[in-house]
Amino acid sequence: MMKRLLIRFGLWLATLGGWEPAVPPDILALAREGVEEQNTRWPSRDGEAKRAAVYRTLINVYPDVSKRLLSRAIEEAVCSDS
């Protein structure tokens, strides 16, 4: 229990210093596929609805990955799509 708390504290300190965890390539690839599919399938749909659909897919495929990392994968996919 204490070890886990110390690890989380260390990671929090690292994020204060500017460190950001890298998104694994397989998660990023799935996020890019989802963003591309949403953009071609629903071009007039609200961006938040598209993001929610991709987010739901990522959560279903990767339930043990942190939600923050999945959100970051979507952000990177959208930025690389533009």
C-alpha atoms as a PDB file:
ATOM      1  CA  MET A   1       0.000   0.000   0.000  1.00  0.00           C
ATOM      2  CA  MET A   2       2.731   2.455   0.961  1.00  0.00           C
ATOM      3  CA  LYS A   3       4.787   1.556  -2.114  1.00  0.00           C
ATOM      4  CA  ARG A   4       1.842   2.295  -4.402  1.00  0.00           C
ATOM      5  CA  LEU A   5       1.283   5.630  -2.688  1.00  0.00           C
ATOM      6  CA  LEU A   6       4.946   6.576  -3.080  1.00  0.00           C
ATOM      7  CA  ILE A   7       4.892   5.634  -6.778  1.00  0.00           C
ATOM      8  CA  ARG A   8       1.802   7.757  -7.377  1.00  0.00           C
ATOM      9  CA  PHE A   9       3.379  10.643  -5.486  1.00  0.00           C
ATOM     10  CA  GLY A  10       6.542  10.347  -7.583  1.00  0.00           C
ATOM     11  CA  LEU A  11       4.560  10.313 -10.811  1.00  0.00           C
ATOM     12  CA  TRP A  12       2.601  13.343  -9.668  1.00  0.00           C
ATOM     13  CA  LEU A  13       5.853  15.187  -8.937  1.00  0.00           C
ATOM     14  CA  ALA A  14       7.162  14.220 -12.370  1.00  0.00           C
ATOM     15  CA  THR A  15       4.077  15.669 -14.057  1.00  0.00           C
ATOM     16  CA  LEU A  16       4.650  18.922 -12.196  1.00  0.00           C
ATOM     17  CA  GLY A  17       8.095  18.983 -13.782  1.00  0.00           C
ATOM     18  CA  GLY A  18       6.643  18.583 -17.269  1.00  0.00           C
ATOM     19  CA  TRP A  19       6.903  14.821 -17.746  1.00  0.00           C
ATOM     20  CA  GLU A  20       4.016  13.239 -19.619  1.00  0.00           C
ATOM     21  CA  PRO A  21       3.526   9.505 -20.097  1.00  0.00           C
ATOM     22  CA  ALA A  22       3.838   8.295 -23.681  1.00  0.00           C
ATOM     23  CA  VAL A  23       0.798   6.746 -25.324  1.00  0.00           C
ATOM     24  CA  PRO A  24       1.499   3.154 -26.441  1.00  0.00           C
ATOM     25  CA  PRO A  25       1.465   2.788 -30.247  1.00  0.00           C
ATOM     26  CA  ASP A  26      -1.384   0.256 -30.320  1.00  0.00           C
ATOM     27  CA  ILE A  27      -3.684   2.550 -28.333  1.00  0.00           C
ATOM     28  CA  LEU A  28      -2.731   5.531 -30.480  1.00  0.00           C
ATOM     29  CA  ALA A  29      -3.383   3.558 -33.683  1.00  0.00           C
ATOM     30  CA  LEU A  30      -6.860   2.559 -32.496  1.00  0.00           C
ATOM     31  CA  ALA A  31      -7.600   6.159 -31.488  1.00  0.00           C
ATOM     32  CA  ARG A  32      -6.530   7.383 -34.941  1.00  0.00           C
ATOM     33  CA  GLU A  33      -8.751   4.782 -36.607  1.00  0.00           C
ATOM     34  CA  GLY A  34     -11.670   5.818 -34.450  1.00  0.00           C
ATOM     35  CA  VAL A  35     -11.189   9.532 -35.132  1.00  0.00           C
ATOM     36  CA  GLU A  36     -10.901   8.921 -38.872  1.00  0.00           C
ATOM     37  CA  GLU A  37     -13.996   6.716 -38.870  1.00  0.00           C
ATOM     38  CA  GLN A  38     -16.041   9.278 -36.942  1.00  0.00           C
ATOM     39  CA  ASN A  39     -14.952  12.085 -39.265  1.00  0.00           C
ATOM     40  CA  THR A  40     -15.877  10.165 -42.413  1.00  0.00           C
ATOM     41  CA  ARG A  41     -19.031   8.573 -41.056  1.00  0.00           C
ATOM     42  CA  TRP A  42     -20.500  11.620 -39.275  1.00  0.00           C
ATOM     43  CA  PRO A  43     -18.981  14.782 -40.821  1.00  0.00           C
ATOM     44  CA  SER A  44     -21.654  17.108 -39.430  1.00  0.00           C
ATOM     45  CA  ARG A  45     -21.778  15.555 -35.948  1.00  0.00           C
ATOM     46  CA  ASP A  46     -20.645  17.547 -32.932  1.00  0.00           C
ATOM     47  CA  GLY A  47     -16.961  17.048 -32.059  1.00  0.00           C
ATOM     48  CA  GLU A  48     -17.772  16.107 -28.473  1.00  0.00           C
ATOM     49  CA  ALA A  49     -20.084  13.324 -29.650  1.00  0.00           C
ATOM     50  CA  LYS A  50     -17.337  11.989 -31.914  1.00  0.00           C
ATOM     51  CA  ARG A  51     -14.826  12.104 -29.052  1.00  0.00           C
ATOM     52  CA  ALA A  52     -17.246  10.279 -26.757  1.00  0.00           C
ATOM     53  CA  ALA A  53     -17.727   7.517 -29.331  1.00  0.00           C
ATOM     54  CA  VAL A  54     -13.969   7.018 -29.738  1.00  0.00           C
ATOM     55  CA  TYR A  55     -13.481   7.192 -25.966  1.00  0.00           C
ATOM     56  CA  ARG A  56     -16.139   4.521 -25.422  1.00  0.00           C
ATOM     57  CA  THR A  57     -14.413   2.240 -27.938  1.00  0.00           C
ATOM     58  CA  LEU A  58     -11.031   2.706 -26.266  1.00  0.00           C
ATOM     59  CA  ILE A  59     -12.478   1.989 -22.816  1.00  0.00           C
ATOM     60  CA  ASN A  60     -14.106  -1.204 -24.100  1.00  0.00           C
ATOM     61  CA  VAL A  61     -10.894  -2.443 -25.724  1.00  0.00           C
ATOM     62  CA  TYR A  62      -8.511  -1.283 -22.957  1.00  0.00           C
ATOM     63  CA  PRO A  63     -10.463  -1.371 -19.659  1.00  0.00           C
ATOM     64  CA  ASP A  64      -7.332  -1.504 -17.474  1.00  0.00           C
ATOM     65  CA  VAL A  65      -5.606   1.524 -19.017  1.00  0.00           C
ATOM     66  CA  SER A  66      -6.038   4.842 -17.225  1.00  0.00           C
ATOM     67  CA  LYS A  67      -8.763   7.093 -18.560  1.00  0.00           C
ATOM     68  CA  ARG A  68      -6.294   9.955 -18.686  1.00  0.00           C
ATOM     69  CA  LEU A  69      -4.014   8.065 -21.054  1.00  0.00           C
ATOM     70  CA  LEU A  70      -6.951   7.152 -23.298  1.00  0.00           C
ATOM     71  CA  SER A  71      -8.021  10.784 -23.429  1.00  0.00           C
ATOM     72  CA  ARG A  72      -4.484  11.780 -24.307  1.00  0.00           C
ATOM     73  CA  ALA A  73      -4.483   9.235 -27.135  1.00  0.00           C
ATOM     74  CA  ILE A  74      -7.616  10.845 -28.570  1.00  0.00           C
ATOM     75  CA  GLU A  75      -6.062  14.302 -28.299  1.00  0.00           C
ATOM     76  CA  GLU A  76      -2.931  13.145 -30.123  1.00  0.00           C
ATOM     77  CA  ALA A  77      -5.019  11.440 -32.800  1.00  0.00           C
ATOM     78  CA  VAL A  78      -7.066  14.582 -33.393  1.00  0.00           C
ATOM     79  CA  CYS A  79      -3.948  16.781 -33.506  1.00  0.00           C
ATOM     80  CA  SER A  80      -2.186  14.477 -35.964  1.00  0.00           C
ATOM     81  CA  ASP A  81      -5.374  14.281 -38.074  1.00  0.00           C
ATOM     82  CA  SER A  82      -5.484  18.044 -38.654  1.00  0.00           C
END
